[in-house]
Amino acid sequence: MTRREKEDTDIMGEDFLDRLVTAMRRYEVKEAEFEYEGTVLSVKLFPAKTGSAQDKFVSVDKTDPETTSDILVRSPELGCFASAGKKVGDAVMSDDVIGFVRVGVLRLAIRAPKTGFLAEKFINDGEPIGYHAPVFRIQITPVT
C-alpha cells in the first residue's frame, strides 16, 4: 500500500483535525464541511485576537457579566484539556501556568492573566475543548 493510499483510507485518523486546521490556515480557508460515513463535520476558523505577547497564550474575557472583579480565561486553541495541578480555590499569580491544551504532540500553556484565586473550573482533565471556550474563572485580587 502506498503512502497516498494509506492516507486516503485513514482520512479521519487520530491527527485529522490537526492536519485540517493547519491546511485551512495555510490556504486561508475560513469554513469547511465534510461528510464521512453518514456524519457531517463543519469547521469554522476565526481569526486570533491580536495584542500583547500574553494574548498568544491565553484569551481573556475582561467583561464577565457576573462581576467586574472576575476574569474568564479561555482556551487558546482547539484540543484536549490537561490540568496543571490547579484546583478551585488555589491562589495563582499573574503568568502562572494553570492548565494546558494538547494539540497533537504540542502542549500549549494556559496562563493566569492576573493574580487571584481560581473561582471556577469549566472543564475536566482529558476532555476535548473548543477554541476560545471558557476554562477557568479567576477572582482578581489586588497585588500588595
Protein backbone atom coordinates (compact mmCIF):
# COMPACT_ATOMS: atom_id res chain seq x y z
CA MET A 1 0.00 0.00 0.00
CA THR A 2 1.43 3.37 -0.99
CA ARG A 3 1.58 6.31 1.40
CA ARG A 4 -1.17 8.08 -0.60
CA GLU A 5 -3.47 5.02 -0.42
CA LYS A 6 -2.90 4.78 3.35
CA GLU A 7 -3.74 8.49 3.77
CA ASP A 8 -6.92 8.05 1.71
CA THR A 9 -8.11 5.12 3.83
CA ASP A 10 -7.16 6.81 7.09
CA ILE A 11 -8.51 10.31 6.37
CA MET A 12 -10.29 10.53 9.72
CA GLY A 13 -7.26 9.26 11.64
CA GLU A 14 -6.04 10.44 15.00
CA ASP A 15 -4.44 13.62 13.68
CA PHE A 16 -7.20 14.56 11.23
CA LEU A 17 -8.25 17.79 12.98
CA ASP A 18 -4.66 18.92 13.40
CA ARG A 19 -3.98 18.40 9.69
CA LEU A 20 -7.29 20.00 8.71
CA VAL A 21 -6.80 23.16 10.78
CA THR A 22 -3.19 23.50 9.57
CA ALA A 23 -4.28 23.19 5.93
CA MET A 24 -7.18 25.61 6.41
CA ARG A 25 -4.86 28.20 7.91
CA ARG A 26 -2.23 27.67 5.20
CA TYR A 27 -4.73 28.18 2.37
CA GLU A 28 -6.79 30.81 4.23
CA VAL A 29 -9.98 28.72 4.17
CA LYS A 30 -12.48 30.07 6.72
CA GLU A 31 -15.13 27.31 6.60
CA ALA A 32 -15.16 23.66 5.57
CA GLU A 33 -17.77 20.91 5.67
CA PHE A 34 -17.15 17.18 5.23
CA GLU A 35 -19.37 14.15 5.07
CA TYR A 36 -17.85 10.88 6.24
CA GLU A 37 -19.71 7.64 6.84
CA GLY A 38 -23.06 9.38 7.29
CA THR A 39 -21.74 12.10 9.60
CA VAL A 40 -21.23 15.75 8.69
CA LEU A 41 -18.34 17.70 10.17
CA SER A 42 -18.44 21.51 9.92
CA VAL A 43 -15.35 23.53 10.82
CA LYS A 44 -15.19 27.31 11.02
CA LEU A 45 -11.98 29.18 11.85
CA PHE A 46 -11.99 32.60 13.46
CA PRO A 47 -9.02 34.98 13.47
CA ALA A 48 -6.97 35.08 16.65
CA LYS A 49 -7.13 38.26 18.67
CA THR A 50 -4.03 40.39 18.35
CA GLY A 51 -2.37 42.27 21.16
CA SER A 52 0.32 41.66 23.74
CA ALA A 53 2.56 38.61 23.85
CA GLN A 54 0.37 37.31 26.70
CA ASP A 55 -2.57 37.12 24.27
CA LYS A 56 -0.72 34.40 22.36
CA PHE A 57 -1.04 32.10 25.37
CA VAL A 58 -4.45 32.95 26.76
CA SER A 59 -7.61 34.67 25.75
CA VAL A 60 -9.26 36.70 28.48
CA ASP A 61 -12.82 38.00 28.74
CA LYS A 62 -12.48 41.06 30.98
CA THR A 63 -16.15 41.90 30.74
CA ASP A 64 -17.59 38.93 32.58
CA PRO A 65 -21.22 39.97 33.16
CA GLU A 66 -21.40 38.38 36.62
CA THR A 67 -18.83 40.61 38.25
CA THR A 68 -16.18 43.09 37.22
CA SER A 69 -13.61 41.57 39.60
CA ASP A 70 -13.59 38.25 37.74
CA ILE A 71 -11.86 37.24 34.53
CA LEU A 72 -12.79 34.33 32.28
CA VAL A 73 -9.72 32.53 30.96
CA ARG A 74 -10.40 30.91 27.59
CA SER A 75 -8.70 28.17 25.60
CA PRO A 76 -6.13 29.42 23.10
CA GLU A 77 -6.79 26.55 20.68
CA LEU A 78 -8.96 23.55 19.83
CA GLY A 79 -7.61 20.44 21.55
CA CYS A 80 -7.72 18.36 24.70
CA PHE A 81 -7.50 19.96 28.16
CA ALA A 82 -4.75 18.87 30.53
CA SER A 83 -4.58 20.00 34.15
CA ALA A 84 -1.54 21.73 35.63
CA GLY A 85 -2.48 20.56 39.12
CA LYS A 86 -4.52 23.66 39.98
CA LYS A 87 -7.93 23.32 41.60
CA VAL A 88 -10.75 25.69 42.55
CA GLY A 89 -9.71 27.83 45.49
CA ASP A 90 -5.99 27.79 44.66
CA ALA A 91 -4.18 31.12 44.57
CA VAL A 92 -2.49 31.99 41.27
CA MET A 93 -0.01 34.69 40.36
CA SER A 94 0.00 36.55 37.08
CA ASP A 95 1.63 34.39 34.37
CA ASP A 96 1.35 31.11 36.37
CA VAL A 97 0.62 28.07 34.19
CA ILE A 98 -2.87 26.97 35.21
CA GLY A 99 -3.54 24.36 32.52
CA PHE A 100 -2.64 23.11 29.06
CA VAL A 101 -4.33 22.44 25.75
CA ARG A 102 -2.90 19.43 23.97
CA VAL A 103 -2.97 19.81 20.19
CA GLY A 104 -1.45 16.70 18.66
CA VAL A 105 2.08 16.49 20.06
CA LEU A 106 2.04 20.14 21.18
CA ARG A 107 1.10 21.28 24.67
CA LEU A 108 0.02 24.93 24.82
CA ALA A 109 0.19 26.59 28.23
CA ILE A 110 -2.83 28.40 29.63
CA ARG A 111 -1.51 31.17 31.89
CA ALA A 112 -3.19 33.25 34.58
CA PRO A 113 -3.52 36.78 33.22
CA LYS A 114 -3.83 38.35 36.70
CA THR A 115 -3.15 37.50 40.34
CA GLY A 116 -6.14 35.99 42.12
CA PHE A 117 -7.93 32.76 43.04
CA LEU A 118 -9.33 30.07 40.77
CA ALA A 119 -13.02 30.59 41.41
CA GLU A 120 -14.42 28.13 38.87
CA LYS A 121 -13.19 25.39 36.52
CA PHE A 122 -15.35 24.67 33.46
CA ILE A 123 -13.64 21.55 32.08
CA ASN A 124 -12.14 18.33 33.42
CA ASP A 125 -8.75 16.83 32.65
CA GLY A 126 -8.72 14.87 29.38
CA GLU A 127 -11.89 16.43 27.94
CA PRO A 128 -11.93 17.97 24.46
CA ILE A 129 -12.06 21.76 24.43
CA GLY A 130 -13.03 24.19 21.71
CA TYR A 131 -11.19 27.26 20.55
CA HIS A 132 -11.91 30.19 22.89
CA ALA A 133 -14.04 28.03 25.21
CA PRO A 134 -14.04 29.09 28.90
CA VAL A 135 -11.57 27.08 31.01
CA PHE A 136 -11.34 28.97 34.32
CA ARG A 137 -12.82 31.94 36.12
CA ILE A 138 -10.29 33.85 38.18
CA GLN A 139 -11.38 36.10 41.03
CA ILE A 140 -8.96 39.02 40.87
CA THR A 141 -7.13 40.15 44.00
CA PRO A 142 -5.11 43.34 44.19
CA VAL A 143 -1.34 42.94 44.27
CA THR A 144 0.09 44.38 47.50
